């Protein structure tokens, strides 16, 4: 990514889109790490606790929705970069 100061509107937008392209994979990694730990905690460590398993199911659904939303946003950003500001 180029770090020089943008001089046009298109360069400014490309700078923001580049930052979003870096942030989304980082957020996806965090979501996957948290989801993995919580599922391990809820369904393996505390397998006998029904409330922990219910919490794990709820978290799995939330993580799936967040992952889907992040991937959709990432696709929209890629589309914008290639079509509008490409």
N, C-alpha and C. Protein backbone atom coordinates (compact mmCIF):
# COMPACT_ATOMS: atom_id res chain seq x y z
N UNK A 1 0.84 -1.18 0.00
CA UNK A 1 0.00 0.00 0.00
C UNK A 1 0.88 1.23 0.00
N UNK A 2 0.54 2.20 -0.82
CA UNK A 2 1.29 3.44 -0.93
C UNK A 2 0.91 4.36 0.23
N UNK A 3 1.89 4.96 0.91
CA UNK A 3 1.61 5.74 2.11
C UNK A 3 1.73 7.24 1.86
N UNK A 4 1.89 7.65 0.64
CA UNK A 4 2.01 9.08 0.40
C UNK A 4 0.65 9.76 0.50
N UNK A 5 0.67 11.08 0.66
CA UNK A 5 -0.56 11.85 0.84
C UNK A 5 -1.36 11.87 -0.46
N UNK A 6 -2.67 11.52 -0.37
CA UNK A 6 -3.49 11.54 -1.59
C UNK A 6 -3.70 12.97 -2.08
N UNK A 7 -3.66 13.15 -3.40
CA UNK A 7 -3.85 14.48 -3.97
C UNK A 7 -5.17 14.61 -4.72
N UNK A 8 -5.82 13.49 -5.01
CA UNK A 8 -7.12 13.53 -5.68
C UNK A 8 -8.14 12.74 -4.85
N UNK A 9 -9.39 12.94 -5.18
CA UNK A 9 -10.46 12.24 -4.48
C UNK A 9 -10.35 10.73 -4.67
N UNK A 10 -10.01 10.30 -5.87
CA UNK A 10 -9.88 8.88 -6.16
C UNK A 10 -8.75 8.26 -5.33
N UNK A 11 -7.64 9.00 -5.18
CA UNK A 11 -6.54 8.49 -4.35
C UNK A 11 -6.95 8.39 -2.89
N UNK A 12 -7.74 9.35 -2.42
CA UNK A 12 -8.23 9.32 -1.04
C UNK A 12 -9.14 8.12 -0.81
N UNK A 13 -10.04 7.89 -1.74
CA UNK A 13 -10.95 6.74 -1.64
C UNK A 13 -10.15 5.45 -1.69
N UNK A 14 -9.17 5.36 -2.58
CA UNK A 14 -8.33 4.16 -2.67
C UNK A 14 -7.53 3.94 -1.38
N UNK A 15 -7.13 5.02 -0.72
CA UNK A 15 -6.43 4.90 0.55
C UNK A 15 -7.36 4.29 1.61
N UNK A 16 -8.60 4.79 1.70
CA UNK A 16 -9.57 4.25 2.65
C UNK A 16 -9.92 2.81 2.32
N UNK A 17 -10.12 2.51 1.06
CA UNK A 17 -10.44 1.13 0.66
C UNK A 17 -9.28 0.20 0.95
N UNK A 18 -8.06 0.68 0.80
CA UNK A 18 -6.89 -0.13 1.14
C UNK A 18 -6.83 -0.43 2.63
N UNK A 19 -7.17 0.57 3.45
CA UNK A 19 -7.20 0.34 4.89
C UNK A 19 -8.28 -0.66 5.27
N UNK A 20 -9.42 -0.58 4.61
CA UNK A 20 -10.50 -1.53 4.87
C UNK A 20 -10.07 -2.93 4.44
N UNK A 21 -9.36 -3.03 3.32
CA UNK A 21 -8.87 -4.34 2.84
C UNK A 21 -7.87 -4.96 3.81
N UNK A 22 -7.20 -4.15 4.59
CA UNK A 22 -6.28 -4.67 5.61
C UNK A 22 -7.05 -5.02 6.87
N UNK A 23 -8.03 -4.21 7.25
CA UNK A 23 -8.75 -4.40 8.50
C UNK A 23 -9.68 -5.62 8.49
N UNK A 24 -10.32 -5.89 7.38
CA UNK A 24 -11.30 -6.98 7.34
C UNK A 24 -10.66 -8.35 7.57
N UNK A 25 -9.55 -8.70 6.93
CA UNK A 25 -8.93 -9.99 7.26
C UNK A 25 -8.49 -10.09 8.72
N UNK A 26 -8.03 -8.97 9.28
CA UNK A 26 -7.65 -8.98 10.69
C UNK A 26 -8.86 -9.25 11.57
N UNK A 27 -9.99 -8.62 11.26
CA UNK A 27 -11.21 -8.86 12.03
C UNK A 27 -11.68 -10.30 11.87
N UNK A 28 -11.56 -10.84 10.66
CA UNK A 28 -11.94 -12.23 10.44
C UNK A 28 -11.07 -13.18 11.27
N UNK A 29 -9.79 -12.91 11.35
CA UNK A 29 -8.91 -13.75 12.16
C UNK A 29 -9.31 -13.68 13.64
N UNK A 30 -9.65 -12.50 14.11
CA UNK A 30 -10.07 -12.35 15.51
C UNK A 30 -11.37 -13.10 15.77
N UNK A 31 -12.33 -12.97 14.85
CA UNK A 31 -13.61 -13.67 15.01
C UNK A 31 -13.40 -15.18 15.03
N UNK A 32 -12.57 -15.70 14.13
CA UNK A 32 -12.32 -17.14 14.08
C UNK A 32 -11.60 -17.61 15.35
N UNK A 33 -10.66 -16.82 15.85
CA UNK A 33 -9.94 -17.21 17.07
C UNK A 33 -10.88 -17.24 18.27
N UNK A 34 -11.70 -16.21 18.41
CA UNK A 34 -12.66 -16.16 19.53
C UNK A 34 -13.67 -17.29 19.41
N UNK A 35 -14.18 -17.50 18.21
CA UNK A 35 -15.15 -18.57 18.00
C UNK A 35 -14.54 -19.93 18.33
N UNK A 36 -13.32 -20.17 17.87
CA UNK A 36 -12.67 -21.45 18.14
C UNK A 36 -12.51 -21.68 19.64
N UNK A 37 -12.05 -20.66 20.34
CA UNK A 37 -11.87 -20.82 21.78
C UNK A 37 -13.21 -21.04 22.49
N UNK A 38 -14.21 -20.26 22.16
CA UNK A 38 -15.50 -20.38 22.84
C UNK A 38 -16.16 -21.73 22.55
N UNK A 39 -16.04 -22.22 21.33
CA UNK A 39 -16.62 -23.53 21.02
C UNK A 39 -15.87 -24.62 21.79
N UNK A 40 -14.55 -24.53 21.82
CA UNK A 40 -13.76 -25.47 22.60
C UNK A 40 -14.14 -25.41 24.07
N UNK A 41 -14.29 -24.20 24.60
CA UNK A 41 -14.66 -24.01 26.00
C UNK A 41 -16.07 -24.54 26.28
N UNK A 42 -17.01 -24.22 25.42
CA UNK A 42 -18.41 -24.57 25.69
C UNK A 42 -18.71 -26.03 25.43
N UNK A 43 -18.16 -26.62 24.38
CA UNK A 43 -18.57 -27.96 23.98
C UNK A 43 -17.58 -29.06 24.35
N UNK A 44 -16.37 -28.68 24.76
CA UNK A 44 -15.40 -29.71 25.15
C UNK A 44 -15.06 -29.59 26.64
N UNK A 45 -14.65 -28.42 27.09
CA UNK A 45 -14.27 -28.25 28.49
C UNK A 45 -15.49 -28.34 29.41
N UNK A 46 -16.57 -27.65 29.05
CA UNK A 46 -17.78 -27.63 29.87
C UNK A 46 -18.93 -28.37 29.17
N UNK A 47 -18.65 -29.55 28.66
CA UNK A 47 -19.66 -30.30 27.91
C UNK A 47 -20.85 -30.71 28.76
N UNK A 48 -20.65 -30.82 30.07
CA UNK A 48 -21.75 -31.24 30.94
C UNK A 48 -22.64 -30.08 31.40
N UNK A 49 -22.24 -28.84 31.11
CA UNK A 49 -23.00 -27.66 31.54
C UNK A 49 -23.90 -27.18 30.39
N UNK A 50 -25.21 -27.35 30.56
CA UNK A 50 -26.17 -26.99 29.50
C UNK A 50 -26.15 -25.50 29.18
N UNK A 51 -25.95 -24.65 30.19
CA UNK A 51 -25.94 -23.20 29.92
C UNK A 51 -24.72 -22.81 29.09
N UNK A 52 -23.58 -23.46 29.32
CA UNK A 52 -22.39 -23.18 28.52
C UNK A 52 -22.57 -23.65 27.08
N UNK A 53 -23.22 -24.79 26.89
CA UNK A 53 -23.48 -25.28 25.53
C UNK A 53 -24.43 -24.34 24.80
N UNK A 54 -25.46 -23.83 25.50
CA UNK A 54 -26.38 -22.88 24.88
C UNK A 54 -25.65 -21.58 24.52
N UNK A 55 -24.75 -21.17 25.39
CA UNK A 55 -23.95 -19.97 25.10
C UNK A 55 -23.06 -20.21 23.88
N UNK A 56 -22.50 -21.41 23.76
CA UNK A 56 -21.68 -21.76 22.61
C UNK A 56 -22.47 -21.76 21.31
N UNK A 57 -23.71 -22.27 21.36
CA UNK A 57 -24.57 -22.24 20.17
C UNK A 57 -24.89 -20.82 19.76
N UNK A 58 -25.21 -19.99 20.74
CA UNK A 58 -25.52 -18.59 20.46
C UNK A 58 -24.31 -17.88 19.85
N UNK A 59 -23.15 -18.12 20.43
CA UNK A 59 -21.93 -17.50 19.91
C UNK A 59 -21.61 -17.99 18.50
N UNK A 60 -21.84 -19.27 18.24
CA UNK A 60 -21.58 -19.80 16.90
C UNK A 60 -22.46 -19.13 15.86
N UNK A 61 -23.73 -18.92 16.19
CA UNK A 61 -24.63 -18.24 15.27
C UNK A 61 -24.19 -16.79 15.05
N UNK A 62 -23.84 -16.10 16.13
CA UNK A 62 -23.38 -14.72 16.02
C UNK A 62 -22.11 -14.62 15.18
N UNK A 63 -21.16 -15.52 15.42
CA UNK A 63 -19.91 -15.50 14.67
C UNK A 63 -20.15 -15.79 13.19
N UNK A 64 -21.08 -16.68 12.88
CA UNK A 64 -21.40 -16.97 11.48
C UNK A 64 -21.99 -15.74 10.80
N UNK A 65 -22.86 -15.04 11.50
CA UNK A 65 -23.44 -13.81 10.93
C UNK A 65 -22.38 -12.73 10.74
N UNK A 66 -21.52 -12.54 11.73
CA UNK A 66 -20.47 -11.52 11.62
C UNK A 66 -19.52 -11.86 10.48
N UNK A 67 -19.14 -13.12 10.36
CA UNK A 67 -18.25 -13.55 9.28
C UNK A 67 -18.89 -13.30 7.92
N UNK A 68 -20.17 -13.61 7.79
CA UNK A 68 -20.88 -13.39 6.53
C UNK A 68 -20.91 -11.90 6.19
N UNK A 69 -21.21 -11.07 7.17
CA UNK A 69 -21.26 -9.61 6.94
C UNK A 69 -19.89 -9.08 6.54
N UNK A 70 -18.83 -9.52 7.23
CA UNK A 70 -17.48 -9.07 6.89
C UNK A 70 -17.09 -9.49 5.48
N UNK A 71 -17.42 -10.70 5.08
CA UNK A 71 -17.08 -11.15 3.73
C UNK A 71 -17.87 -10.38 2.68
N UNK A 72 -19.13 -10.06 2.97
CA UNK A 72 -19.92 -9.24 2.04
C UNK A 72 -19.31 -7.85 1.90
N UNK A 73 -18.93 -7.24 3.02
CA UNK A 73 -18.31 -5.91 2.96
C UNK A 73 -17.00 -5.97 2.19
N UNK A 74 -16.21 -7.02 2.43
CA UNK A 74 -14.94 -7.20 1.73
C UNK A 74 -15.17 -7.32 0.23
N UNK A 75 -16.22 -8.03 -0.17
CA UNK A 75 -16.55 -8.15 -1.59
C UNK A 75 -16.99 -6.84 -2.20
N UNK A 76 -17.77 -6.07 -1.46
CA UNK A 76 -18.21 -4.76 -1.95
C UNK A 76 -17.01 -3.83 -2.14
N UNK A 77 -16.09 -3.86 -1.17
CA UNK A 77 -14.89 -3.02 -1.28
C UNK A 77 -14.07 -3.44 -2.50
N UNK A 78 -13.90 -4.74 -2.72
CA UNK A 78 -13.15 -5.21 -3.89
C UNK A 78 -13.84 -4.79 -5.19
N UNK A 79 -15.16 -4.88 -5.21
CA UNK A 79 -15.91 -4.46 -6.38
C UNK A 79 -15.73 -2.98 -6.65
N UNK A 80 -15.79 -2.17 -5.59
CA UNK A 80 -15.57 -0.72 -5.75
C UNK A 80 -14.19 -0.42 -6.27
N UNK A 81 -13.19 -1.11 -5.74
CA UNK A 81 -11.81 -0.86 -6.18
C UNK A 81 -11.62 -1.20 -7.65
N UNK A 82 -12.22 -2.26 -8.10
CA UNK A 82 -12.01 -2.69 -9.48
C UNK A 82 -12.87 -1.94 -10.48
N UNK A 83 -14.10 -1.59 -10.09
CA UNK A 83 -14.99 -1.00 -11.08
C UNK A 83 -15.01 0.52 -11.03
N UNK A 84 -15.17 1.08 -9.87
CA UNK A 84 -15.34 2.54 -9.77
C UNK A 84 -14.01 3.26 -9.76
N UNK A 85 -13.10 2.80 -8.90
CA UNK A 85 -11.83 3.52 -8.72
C UNK A 85 -10.64 2.76 -9.29
N UNK A 86 -10.90 1.82 -10.17
CA UNK A 86 -9.80 0.98 -10.72
C UNK A 86 -9.10 1.58 -11.86
